Amino acid sequence: MNHKHRVTLEKIFSHPIDTNIDWKKIEALLSHLGAELSEGRTGRVKVNLNGREAVFSLPHHGHALQDKNEIVQLRHFLESAGITPGKG
Protein backbone atom coordinates (compact mmCIF):
# COMPACT_ATOMS: atom_id res chain seq x y z
CA MET A 1 0.00 0.00 0.00
CA ASN A 2 1.45 3.35 -0.96
CA HIS A 3 1.78 6.32 1.37
CA LYS A 4 -1.30 8.16 0.04
CA HIS A 5 -3.56 5.14 0.57
CA ARG A 6 -2.13 4.56 4.05
CA VAL A 7 -2.78 8.22 5.02
CA THR A 8 -6.38 7.98 3.78
CA LEU A 9 -6.95 4.76 5.73
CA GLU A 10 -5.51 6.34 8.87
CA LYS A 11 -7.83 9.36 8.44
CA ILE A 12 -10.84 7.05 8.22
CA PHE A 13 -9.85 5.38 11.50
CA SER A 14 -8.65 8.55 13.29
CA HIS A 15 -9.97 9.67 16.68
CA PRO A 16 -11.55 12.18 16.83
CA ILE A 17 -13.28 11.50 13.53
CA ASP A 18 -11.74 13.42 10.64
CA THR A 19 -14.69 15.10 8.91
CA ASN A 20 -12.89 16.25 5.79
CA ILE A 21 -11.76 13.23 3.77
CA ASP A 22 -11.57 13.64 0.00
CA TRP A 23 -13.99 11.19 -1.65
CA LYS A 24 -11.67 10.65 -4.65
CA LYS A 25 -8.96 9.48 -2.24
CA ILE A 26 -11.43 7.11 -0.58
CA GLU A 27 -12.39 5.73 -4.01
CA ALA A 28 -8.73 5.26 -4.90
CA LEU A 29 -8.10 3.43 -1.61
CA LEU A 30 -11.13 1.16 -2.08
CA SER A 31 -10.10 0.36 -5.66
CA HIS A 32 -6.56 -0.41 -4.49
CA LEU A 33 -8.00 -2.81 -1.90
CA GLY A 34 -9.89 -4.63 -4.66
CA ALA A 35 -13.36 -3.20 -4.07
CA GLU A 36 -15.96 -3.06 -6.80
CA LEU A 37 -17.75 0.31 -6.88
CA SER A 38 -20.95 0.99 -8.78
CA GLU A 39 -22.50 4.43 -8.77
CA GLY A 40 -26.25 4.76 -9.03
CA ARG A 41 -28.39 7.61 -10.31
CA THR A 42 -29.43 8.63 -6.82
CA GLY A 43 -26.07 10.00 -5.67
CA ARG A 44 -25.11 6.78 -3.93
CA VAL A 45 -22.36 4.28 -4.54
CA LYS A 46 -22.47 0.56 -3.78
CA VAL A 47 -19.18 -0.96 -2.63
CA ASN A 48 -18.36 -4.68 -2.60
CA LEU A 49 -15.17 -5.72 -0.80
CA ASN A 50 -14.10 -9.13 0.48
CA GLY A 51 -17.66 -10.46 0.37
CA ARG A 52 -19.10 -7.44 2.17
CA GLU A 53 -21.41 -4.83 0.67
CA ALA A 54 -22.27 -1.28 1.72
CA VAL A 55 -23.96 1.74 0.18
CA PHE A 56 -22.64 5.25 0.75
CA SER A 57 -23.98 8.68 -0.15
CA LEU A 58 -21.71 10.67 -2.41
CA PRO A 59 -20.70 14.14 -1.18
CA HIS A 60 -23.10 16.81 -2.44
CA HIS A 61 -21.01 19.98 -2.15
CA GLY A 62 -17.33 19.85 -2.78
CA HIS A 63 -15.45 16.61 -2.87
CA ALA A 64 -15.02 15.73 0.79
CA LEU A 65 -16.92 13.22 2.87
CA GLN A 66 -17.91 15.33 5.88
CA ASP A 67 -20.76 13.45 7.57
CA LYS A 68 -19.50 11.74 10.74
CA ASN A 69 -22.08 8.97 10.42
CA GLU A 70 -20.92 8.16 6.87
CA ILE A 71 -17.30 8.01 8.03
CA VAL A 72 -18.23 5.72 10.93
CA GLN A 73 -20.22 3.53 8.50
CA LEU A 74 -17.18 3.40 6.20
CA ARG A 75 -14.93 2.51 9.14
CA HIS A 76 -17.23 -0.34 10.24
CA PHE A 77 -17.53 -1.58 6.66
CA LEU A 78 -13.74 -1.73 6.28
CA GLU A 79 -13.38 -3.50 9.63
CA SER A 80 -15.98 -6.10 8.63
CA ALA A 81 -14.04 -6.66 5.40
CA GLY A 82 -10.84 -7.23 7.42
CA ILE A 83 -9.22 -3.87 6.63
CA THR A 84 -7.68 -1.78 9.43
CA PRO A 85 -4.70 0.58 9.44
CA GLY A 86 -2.49 -2.18 10.87
CA LYS A 87 -3.58 -4.74 8.24
CA GLY A 88 -4.22 -2.47 5.21
PDB file of N, CA and C in Angstrom:
ATOM      1  N   MET A   1       0.851  -1.169   0.000  1.00  0.00           N
ATOM      2  CA  MET A   1       0.000   0.000   0.000  1.00  0.00           C
ATOM      3  C   MET A   1       0.897   1.233   0.000  1.00  0.00           C
ATOM      4  N   ASN A   2       0.599   2.166  -0.911  1.00  0.00           N
ATOM      5  CA  ASN A   2       1.446   3.348  -0.963  1.00  0.00           C
ATOM      6  C   ASN A   2       1.099   4.336   0.153  1.00  0.00           C
ATOM      7  N   HIS A   3       1.922   5.343   0.285  1.00  0.00           N
ATOM      8  CA  HIS A   3       1.783   6.316   1.372  1.00  0.00           C
ATOM      9  C   HIS A   3       0.432   7.031   1.334  1.00  0.00           C
ATOM     10  N   LYS A   4      -0.036   7.428   0.151  1.00  0.00           N
ATOM     11  CA  LYS A   4      -1.304   8.158   0.042  1.00  0.00           C
ATOM     12  C   LYS A   4      -2.480   7.305   0.516  1.00  0.00           C
ATOM     13  N   HIS A   5      -2.489   6.034   0.135  1.00  0.00           N
ATOM     14  CA  HIS A   5      -3.565   5.142   0.574  1.00  0.00           C
ATOM     15  C   HIS A   5      -3.503   4.923   2.084  1.00  0.00           C
ATOM     16  N   ARG A   6      -2.298   4.776   2.611  1.00  0.00           N
ATOM     17  CA  ARG A   6      -2.126   4.560   4.053  1.00  0.00           C
ATOM     18  C   ARG A   6      -2.631   5.782   4.841  1.00  0.00           C
ATOM     19  N   VAL A   7      -2.329   6.990   4.354  1.00  0.00           N
ATOM     20  CA  VAL A   7      -2.783   8.216   5.019  1.00  0.00           C
ATOM     21  C   VAL A   7      -4.307   8.294   5.004  1.00  0.00           C
ATOM     22  N   THR A   8      -4.920   7.966   3.875  1.00  0.00           N
ATOM     23  CA  THR A   8      -6.384   7.979   3.779  1.00  0.00           C
ATOM     24  C   THR A   8      -6.997   6.984   4.754  1.00  0.00           C
ATOM     25  N   LEU A   9      -6.445   5.776   4.812  1.00  0.00           N
ATOM     26  CA  LEU A   9      -6.950   4.761   5.733  1.00  0.00           C
ATOM     27  C   LEU A   9      -6.818   5.223   7.184  1.00  0.00           C
ATOM     28  N   GLU A  10      -5.700   5.845   7.512  1.00  0.00           N
ATOM     29  CA  GLU A  10      -5.506   6.345   8.871  1.00  0.00           C
ATOM     30  C   GLU A  10      -6.494   7.461   9.200  1.00  0.00           C
ATOM     31  N   LYS A  11      -6.834   8.308   8.218  1.00  0.00           N
ATOM     32  CA  LYS A  11      -7.830   9.361   8.441  1.00  0.00           C
ATOM     33  C   LYS A  11      -9.201   8.754   8.732  1.00  0.00           C
ATOM     34  N   ILE A  12      -9.548   7.696   8.013  1.00  0.00           N
ATOM     35  CA  ILE A  12     -10.842   7.047   8.221  1.00  0.00           C
ATOM     36  C   ILE A  12     -10.954   6.499   9.644  1.00  0.00           C
ATOM     37  N   PHE A  13      -9.845   5.995  10.178  1.00  0.00           N
ATOM     38  CA  PHE A  13      -9.853   5.383  11.504  1.00  0.00           C
ATOM     39  C   PHE A  13      -9.376   6.332  12.606  1.00  0.00           C
ATOM     40  N   SER A  14      -9.185   7.612  12.296  1.00  0.00           N
ATOM     41  CA  SER A  14      -8.646   8.545  13.288  1.00  0.00           C
ATOM     42  C   SER A  14      -9.675   8.866  14.378  1.00  0.00           C
ATOM     43  N   HIS A  15      -9.155   9.217  15.545  1.00  0.00           N
ATOM     44  CA  HIS A  15      -9.966   9.673  16.684  1.00  0.00           C
ATOM     45  C   HIS A  15      -9.393  11.006  17.116  1.00  0.00           C
ATOM     46  N   PRO A  16     -10.147  12.084  17.200  1.00  0.00           N
ATOM     47  CA  PRO A  16     -11.547  12.181  16.829  1.00  0.00           C
ATOM     48  C   PRO A  16     -11.730  11.990  15.325  1.00  0.00           C
ATOM     49  N   ILE A  17     -12.968  11.782  14.927  1.00  0.00           N
ATOM     50  CA  ILE A  17     -13.285  11.505  13.528  1.00  0.00           C
ATOM     51  C   ILE A  17     -12.887  12.685  12.656  1.00  0.00           C
ATOM     52  N   ASP A  18     -12.125  12.408  11.618  1.00  0.00           N
ATOM     53  CA  ASP A  18     -11.739  13.417  10.636  1.00  0.00           C
ATOM     54  C   ASP A  18     -12.929  13.633   9.711  1.00  0.00           C
ATOM     55  N   THR A  19     -13.479  14.836   9.702  1.00  0.00           N
ATOM     56  CA  THR A  19     -14.688  15.095   8.911  1.00  0.00           C
ATOM     57  C   THR A  19     -14.386  15.832   7.612  1.00  0.00           C
ATOM     58  N   ASN A  20     -13.227  15.600   7.054  1.00  0.00           N
ATOM     59  CA  ASN A  20     -12.891  16.249   5.793  1.00  0.00           C
ATOM     60  C   ASN A  20     -11.971  15.320   4.994  1.00  0.00           C
ATOM     61  N   ILE A  21     -12.542  14.209   4.519  1.00  0.00           N
ATOM     62  CA  ILE A  21     -11.757  13.228   3.770  1.00  0.00           C
ATOM     63  C   ILE A  21     -12.205  13.272   2.317  1.00  0.00           C
ATOM     64  N   ASP A  22     -11.275  13.520   1.425  1.00  0.00           N
ATOM     65  CA  ASP A  22     -11.573  13.642  -0.003  1.00  0.00           C
ATOM     66  C   ASP A  22     -12.142  12.325  -0.541  1.00  0.00           C
ATOM     67  N   TRP A  23     -13.325  12.400  -1.160  1.00  0.00           N
ATOM     68  CA  TRP A  23     -13.990  11.194  -1.654  1.00  0.00           C
ATOM     69  C   TRP A  23     -13.166  10.500  -2.734  1.00  0.00           C
ATOM     70  N   LYS A  24     -12.485  11.252  -3.585  1.00  0.00           N
ATOM     71  CA  LYS A  24     -11.669  10.646  -4.646  1.00  0.00           C
ATOM     72  C   LYS A  24     -10.546   9.804  -4.042  1.00  0.00           C
ATOM     73  N   LYS A  25     -10.003  10.251  -2.909  1.00  0.00           N
ATOM     74  CA  LYS A  25      -8.956   9.478  -2.236  1.00  0.00           C
ATOM     75  C   LYS A  25      -9.537   8.205  -1.624  1.00  0.00           C
ATOM     76  N   ILE A  26     -10.764   8.294  -1.112  1.00  0.00           N
ATOM     77  CA  ILE A  26     -11.435   7.106  -0.576  1.00  0.00           C
ATOM     78  C   ILE A  26     -11.687   6.113  -1.706  1.00  0.00           C
ATOM     79  N   GLU A  27     -12.172   6.597  -2.844  1.00  0.00           N
ATOM     80  CA  GLU A  27     -12.392   5.725  -4.010  1.00  0.00           C
ATOM     81  C   GLU A  27     -11.104   5.054  -4.450  1.00  0.00           C
ATOM     82  N   ALA A  28     -10.019   5.823  -4.494  1.00  0.00           N
ATOM     83  CA  ALA A  28      -8.732   5.263  -4.901  1.00  0.00           C
ATOM     84  C   ALA A  28      -8.277   4.180  -3.927  1.00  0.00           C
ATOM     85  N   LEU A  29      -8.461   4.418  -2.625  1.00  0.00           N
ATOM     86  CA  LEU A  29      -8.101   3.425  -1.611  1.00  0.00           C
ATOM     87  C   LEU A  29      -8.928   2.159  -1.792  1.00  0.00           C
ATOM     88  N   LEU A  30     -10.252   2.322  -1.929  1.00  0.00           N
ATOM     89  CA  LEU A  30     -11.129   1.163  -2.078  1.00  0.00           C
ATOM     90  C   LEU A  30     -10.769   0.366  -3.334  1.00  0.00           C
ATOM     91  N   SER A  31     -10.494   1.045  -4.417  1.00  0.00           N
ATOM     92  CA  SER A  31     -10.099   0.361  -5.657  1.00  0.00           C
ATOM     93  C   SER A  31      -8.791  -0.394  -5.461  1.00  0.00           C
ATOM     94  N   HIS A  32      -7.845   0.235  -4.777  1.00  0.00           N
ATOM     95  CA  HIS A  32      -6.564  -0.411  -4.495  1.00  0.00           C
ATOM     96  C   HIS A  32      -6.756  -1.684  -3.664  1.00  0.00           C
ATOM     97  N   LEU A  33      -7.724  -1.653  -2.759  1.00  0.00           N
ATOM     98  CA  LEU A  33      -7.997  -2.806  -1.898  1.00  0.00           C
ATOM     99  C   LEU A  33      -8.769  -3.910  -2.625  1.00  0.00           C
ATOM    100  N   GLY A  34      -9.194  -3.622  -3.871  1.00  0.00           N
ATOM    101  CA  GLY A  34      -9.894  -4.629  -4.665  1.00  0.00           C
ATOM    102  C   GLY A  34     -11.401  -4.504  -4.632  1.00  0.00           C
ATOM    103  N   ALA A  35     -11.909  -3.389  -4.151  1.00  0.00           N
ATOM    104  CA  ALA A  35     -13.358  -3.196  -4.065  1.00  0.00           C
ATOM    105  C   ALA A  35     -13.953  -2.939  -5.444  1.00  0.00           C
ATOM    106  N   GLU A  36     -15.187  -3.373  -5.603  1.00  0.00           N
ATOM    107  CA  GLU A  36     -15.963  -3.055  -6.796  1.00  0.00           C
ATOM    108  C   GLU A  36     -16.922  -1.940  -6.416  1.00  0.00           C
ATOM    109  N   LEU A  37     -16.878  -0.827  -7.155  1.00  0.00           N
ATOM    110  CA  LEU A  37     -17.746   0.311  -6.882  1.00  0.00           C
ATOM    111  C   LEU A  37     -18.700   0.496  -8.039  1.00  0.00           C
ATOM    112  N   SER A  38     -19.976   0.702  -7.730  1.00  0.00           N
ATOM    113  CA  SER A  38     -20.951   0.987  -8.775  1.00  0.00           C
ATOM    114  C   SER A  38     -21.824   2.147  -8.315  1.00  0.00           C
ATOM    115  N   GLU A  39     -21.781   3.212  -9.109  1.00  0.00           N
ATOM    116  CA  GLU A  39     -22.503   4.429  -8.771  1.00  0.00           C
ATOM    117  C   GLU A  39     -23.892   4.395  -9.377  1.00  0.00           C
ATOM    118  N   GLY A  40     -24.873   4.712  -8.561  1.00  0.00           N
ATOM    119  CA  GLY A  40     -26.251   4.759  -9.030  1.00  0.00           C
ATOM    120  C   GLY A  40     -26.652   6.164  -9.430  1.00  0.00           C
ATOM    121  N   ARG A  41     -27.882   6.296  -9.889  1.00  0.00           N
ATOM    122  CA  ARG A  41     -28.388   7.606 -10.315  1.00  0.00           C
ATOM    123  C   ARG A  41     -28.838   8.470  -9.144  1.00  0.00           C
ATOM    124  N   THR A  42     -28.892   7.912  -7.975  1.00  0.00           N
ATOM    125  CA  THR A  42     -29.430   8.628  -6.824  1.00  0.00           C
ATOM    126  C   THR A  42     -28.356   9.276  -5.955  1.00  0.00           C
ATOM    127  N   GLY A  43     -27.136   9.404  -6.452  1.00  0.00           N
ATOM    128  CA  GLY A  43     -26.070  10.002  -5.667  1.00  0.00           C
ATOM    129  C   GLY A  43     -25.521   9.080  -4.612  1.00  0.00           C
ATOM    130  N   ARG A  44     -25.630   7.778  -4.866  1.00  0.00           N
ATOM    131  CA  ARG A  44     -25.110   6.778  -3.934  1.00  0.00           C
ATOM    132  C   ARG A  44     -24.178   5.844  -4.686  1.00  0.00           C
ATOM    133  N   VAL A  45     -23.279   5.235  -3.943  1.00  0.00           N
ATOM    134  CA  VAL A  45     -22.355   4.284  -4.537  1.00  0.00           C
ATOM    135  C   VAL A  45     -22.388   2.990  -3.717  1.00  0.00           C
ATOM    136  N   LYS A  46     -22.481   1.874  -4.429  1.00  0.00           N
ATOM    137  CA  LYS A  46     -22.469   0.559  -3.779  1.00  0.00           C
ATOM    138  C   LYS A  46     -21.034   0.038  -3.853  1.00  0.00           C
ATOM    139  N   VAL A  47     -20.548  -0.462  -2.725  1.00  0.00           N
ATOM    140  CA  VAL A  47     -19.181  -0.957  -2.630  1.00  0.00           C
ATOM    141  C   VAL A  47     -19.212  -2.409  -2.197  1.00  0.00           C
ATOM    142  N   ASN A  48     -18.532  -3.271  -2.950  1.00  0.00           N
ATOM    143  CA  ASN A  48     -18.357  -4.685  -2.598  1.00  0.00           C
ATOM    144  C   ASN A  48     -16.875  -4.921  -2.348  1.00  0.00           C
ATOM    145  N   LEU A  49     -16.559  -5.471  -1.170  1.00  0.00           N
ATOM    146  CA  LEU A  49     -15.167  -5.718  -0.800  1.00  0.00           C
ATOM    147  C   LEU A  49     -15.103  -6.946   0.090  1.00  0.00           C
ATOM    148  N   ASN A  50     -14.328  -7.925  -0.321  1.00  0.00           N
ATOM    149  CA  ASN A  50     -14.103  -9.135   0.476  1.00  0.00           C
ATOM    150  C   ASN A  50     -15.413  -9.782   0.940  1.00  0.00           C
ATOM    151  N   GLY A  51     -16.390  -9.832   0.046  1.00  0.00           N
ATOM    152  CA  GLY A  51     -17.665 -10.464   0.369  1.00  0.00           C
ATOM    153  C   GLY A  51     -18.621  -9.597   1.169  1.00  0.00           C
ATOM    154  N   ARG A  52     -18.247  -8.381   1.433  1.00  0.00           N
ATOM    155  CA  ARG A  52     -19.097  -7.437   2.173  1.00  0.00           C
ATOM    156  C   ARG A  52     -19.629  -6.388   1.210  1.00  0.00           C
ATOM    157  N   GLU A  53     -20.805  -5.853   1.518  1.00  0.00           N
ATOM    158  CA  GLU A  53     -21.414  -4.831   0.670  1.00  0.00           C
ATOM    159  C   GLU A  53     -21.933  -3.692   1.532  1.00  0.00           C
ATOM    160  N   ALA A  54     -21.753  -2.467   1.037  1.00  0.00           N
ATOM    161  CA  ALA A  54     -22.275  -1.281   1.719  1.00  0.00           C
ATOM    162  C   ALA A  54     -22.641  -0.244   0.673  1.00  0.00           C
ATOM    163  N   VAL A  55     -23.544   0.651   1.060  1.00  0.00           N
ATOM    164  CA  VAL A  55     -23.960   1.741   0.181  1.00  0.00           C
ATOM    165  C   VAL A  55     -23.671   3.049   0.902  1.00  0.00           C
ATOM    166  N   PHE A  56     -23.007   3.958   0.190  1.00  0.00           N
ATOM    167  CA  PHE A  56     -22.636   5.250   0.755  1.00  0.00           C
ATOM    168  C   PHE A  56     -23.206   6.372  -0.095  1.00  0.00           C
ATOM    169  N   SER A  57     -23.551   7.480   0.559  1.00  0.00           N
ATOM    170  CA  SER A  57     -23.982   8.676  -0.153  1.00  0.00           C
ATOM    171  C   SER A  57     -22.745   9.420  -0.637  1.00  0.00           C
ATOM    172  N   LEU A  58     -22.805   9.885  -1.874  1.00  0.00           N
ATOM    173  CA  LEU A  58     -21.709  10.674  -2.407  1.00  0.00           C
ATOM    174  C   LEU A  58     -21.805  12.096  -1.869  1.00  0.00           C
ATOM    175  N   PRO A  59     -20.674  12.765  -1.666  1.00  0.00           N
ATOM    176  CA  PRO A  59     -20.701  14.144  -1.177  1.00  0.00           C
ATOM    177  C   PRO A  59     -21.465  15.051  -2.144  1.00  0.00           C
ATOM    178  N   HIS A  60     -22.306  15.929  -1.604  1.00  0.00           N
ATOM    179  CA  HIS A  60     -23.102  16.814  -2.440  1.00  0.00           C
ATOM    180  C   HIS A  60     -22.328  18.068  -2.843  1.00  0.00           C
ATOM    181  N   HIS A  61     -21.716  18.728  -1.891  1.00  0.00           N
ATOM    182  CA  HIS A  61     -21.006  19.975  -2.154  1.00  0.00           C
ATOM    183  C   HIS A  61     -19.520  19.751  -1.926  1.00  0.00           C
ATOM    184  N   GLY A  62     -18.749  20.096  -2.903  1.00  0.00           N
ATOM    185  CA  GLY A  62     -17.330  19.854  -2.783  1.00  0.00           C
ATOM    186  C   GLY A  62     -17.023  18.390  -3.026  1.00  0.00           C
ATOM    187  N   HIS A  63     -15.881  17.961  -2.591  1.00  0.00           N
ATOM    188  CA  HIS A  63     -15.455  16.606  -2.873  1.00  0.00           C
ATOM    189  C   HIS A  63     -15.122  15.821  -1.613  1.00  0.00           C
ATOM    190  N   ALA A  64     -15.411  16.390  -0.457  1.00  0.00           N
ATOM    191  CA  ALA A  64     -15.021  15.734   0.790  1.00  0.00           C
ATOM    192  C   ALA A  64     -16.208  15.072   1.472  1.00  0.00           C
ATOM    193  N   LEU A  65     -15.935  13.917   2.045  1.00  0.00           N
ATOM    194  CA  LEU A  65     -16.921  13.224   2.869  1.00  0.00           C
ATOM    195  C   LEU A  65     -16.857  13.875   4.243  1.00  0.00           C
ATOM    196  N   GLN A  66     -17.946  14.547   4.648  1.00  0.00           N
ATOM    197  CA  GLN A  66     -17.912  15.331   5.877  1.00  0.00           C
ATOM    198  C   GLN A  66     -18.892  14.860   6.935  1.00  0.00           C
ATOM    199  N   ASP A  67     -19.760  13.931   6.612  1.00  0.00           N
ATOM    200  CA  ASP A  67     -20.758  13.446   7.566  1.00  0.00           C
ATOM    201  C   ASP A  67     -20.116  12.400   8.474  1.00  0.00           C
ATOM    202  N   LYS A  68     -20.123  12.667   9.777  1.00  0.00           N
ATOM    203  CA  LYS A  68     -19.497  11.743  10.736  1.00  0.00           C
ATOM    204  C   LYS A  68     -20.103  10.352  10.656  1.00  0.00           C
ATOM    205  N   ASN A  69     -21.424  10.275  10.485  1.00  0.00           N
ATOM    206  CA  ASN A  69     -22.077   8.967  10.419  1.00  0.00           C
ATOM    207  C   ASN A  69     -21.606   8.168   9.208  1.00  0.00           C
ATOM    208  N   GLU A  70     -21.411   8.835   8.071  1.00  0.00           N
ATOM    209  CA  GLU A  70     -20.915   8.157   6.867  1.00  0.00           C
ATOM    210  C   GLU A  70     -19.491   7.642   7.093  1.00  0.00           C
ATOM    211  N   ILE A  71     -18.679   8.428   7.770  1.00  0.00           N
ATOM    212  CA  ILE A  71     -17.298   8.009   8.034  1.00  0.00           C
ATOM    213  C   ILE A  71     -17.277   6.823   8.985  1.00  0.00           C
ATOM    214  N   VAL A  72     -18.137   6.861  10.002  1.00  0.00           N
ATOM    215  CA  VAL A  72     -18.233   5.723  10.933  1.00  0.00           C
ATOM    216  C   VAL A  72     -18.731   4.488  10.186  1.00  0.00           C
ATOM    217  N   GLN A  73     -19.716   4.654   9.303  1.00  0.00           N
ATOM    218  CA  GLN A  73     -20.217   3.532   8.496  1.00  0.00           C
ATOM    219  C   GLN A  73     -19.090   2.964   7.632  1.00  0.00           C
ATOM    220  N   LEU A  74     -18.304   3.842   7.022  1.00  0.00           N
ATOM    221  CA  LEU A  74     -17.179   3.397   6.197  1.00  0.00           C
ATOM    222  C   LEU A  74     -16.159   2.643   7.045  1.00  0.00           C
ATOM    223  N   ARG A  75     -15.877   3.156   8.223  1.00  0.00           N
ATOM    224  CA  ARG A  75     -14.928   2.512   9.137  1.00  0.00           C
ATOM    225  C   ARG A  75     -15.414   1.102   9.501  1.00  0.00           C
ATOM    226  N   HIS A  76     -16.689   0.976   9.868  1.00  0.00           N
ATOM    227  CA  HIS A  76     -17.235  -0.340  10.240  1.00  0.00           C
ATOM    228  C   HIS A  76     -17.247  -1.292   9.038  1.00  0.00           C
ATOM    229  N   PHE A  77     -17.553  -0.765   7.866  1.00  0.00           N
ATOM    230  CA  PHE A  77     -17.528  -1.585   6.659  1.00  0.00           C
ATOM    231  C   PHE A  77     -16.128  -2.135   6.409  1.00  0.00           C
ATOM    232  N   LEU A  78     -15.121  -1.276   6.498  1.00  0.00           N
ATOM    233  CA  LEU A  78     -13.743  -1.728   6.281  1.00  0.00           C
ATOM    234  C   LEU A  78     -13.324  -2.760   7.328  1.00  0.00           C
ATOM    235  N   GLU A  79     -13.702  -2.528   8.574  1.00  0.00           N
ATOM    236  CA  GLU A  79     -13.383  -3.500   9.635  1.00  0.00           C
ATOM    237  C   GLU A  79     -14.029  -4.846   9.351  1.00  0.00           C
ATOM    238  N   SER A  80     -15.291  -4.829   8.913  1.00  0.00           N
ATOM    239  CA  SER A  80     -15.979  -6.095   8.633  1.00  0.00           C
ATOM    240  C   SER A  80     -15.373  -6.819   7.431  1.00  0.00           C
ATOM    241  N   ALA A  81     -14.707  -6.062   6.555  1.00  0.00           N
ATOM    242  CA  ALA A  81     -14.036  -6.660   5.404  1.00  0.00           C
ATOM    243  C   ALA A  81     -12.589  -7.034   5.734  1.00  0.00           C
ATOM    244  N   GLY A  82     -12.193  -6.844   6.987  1.00  0.00           N
ATOM    245  CA  GLY A  82     -10.842  -7.228   7.417  1.00  0.00           C
ATOM    246  C   GLY A  82      -9.779  -6.190   7.135  1.00  0.00           C
ATOM    247  N   ILE A  83     -10.177  -4.937   6.932  1.00  0.00           N
ATOM    248  CA  ILE A  83      -9.222  -3.872   6.633  1.00  0.00           C
ATOM    249  C   ILE A  83      -9.147  -2.917   7.824  1.00  0.00           C
ATOM    250  N   THR A  84      -7.956  -2.762   8.368  1.00  0.00           N
ATOM    251  CA  THR A  84      -7.683  -1.778   9.425  1.00  0.00           C
ATOM    252  C   THR A  84      -6.322  -1.158   9.113  1.00  0.00           C
ATOM    253  N   PRO A  85      -5.989  -0.037   9.736  1.00  0.00           N
ATOM    254  CA  PRO A  85      -4.695   0.581   9.441  1.00  0.00           C
ATOM    255  C   PRO A  85      -3.509  -0.365   9.648  1.00  0.00           C
ATOM    256  N   GLY A  86      -3.581  -1.241  10.623  1.00  0.00           N
ATOM    257  CA  GLY A  86      -2.491  -2.182  10.868  1.00  0.00           C
ATOM    258  C   GLY A  86      -2.403  -3.286   9.824  1.00  0.00           C
ATOM    259  N   LYS A  87      -3.543  -3.637   9.213  1.00  0.00           N
ATOM    260  CA  LYS A  87      -3.577  -4.745   8.242  1.00  0.00           C
ATOM    261  C   LYS A  87      -3.536  -4.247   6.806  1.00  0.00           C
ATOM    262  N   GLY A  88      -4.160  -3.060   6.539  1.00  0.00           N
ATOM    263  CA  GLY A  88      -4.215  -2.467   5.213  1.00  0.00           C
ATOM    264  C   GLY A  88      -4.469  -3.486   4.201  1.00  0.00           C
TER     265      GLY A  88
END
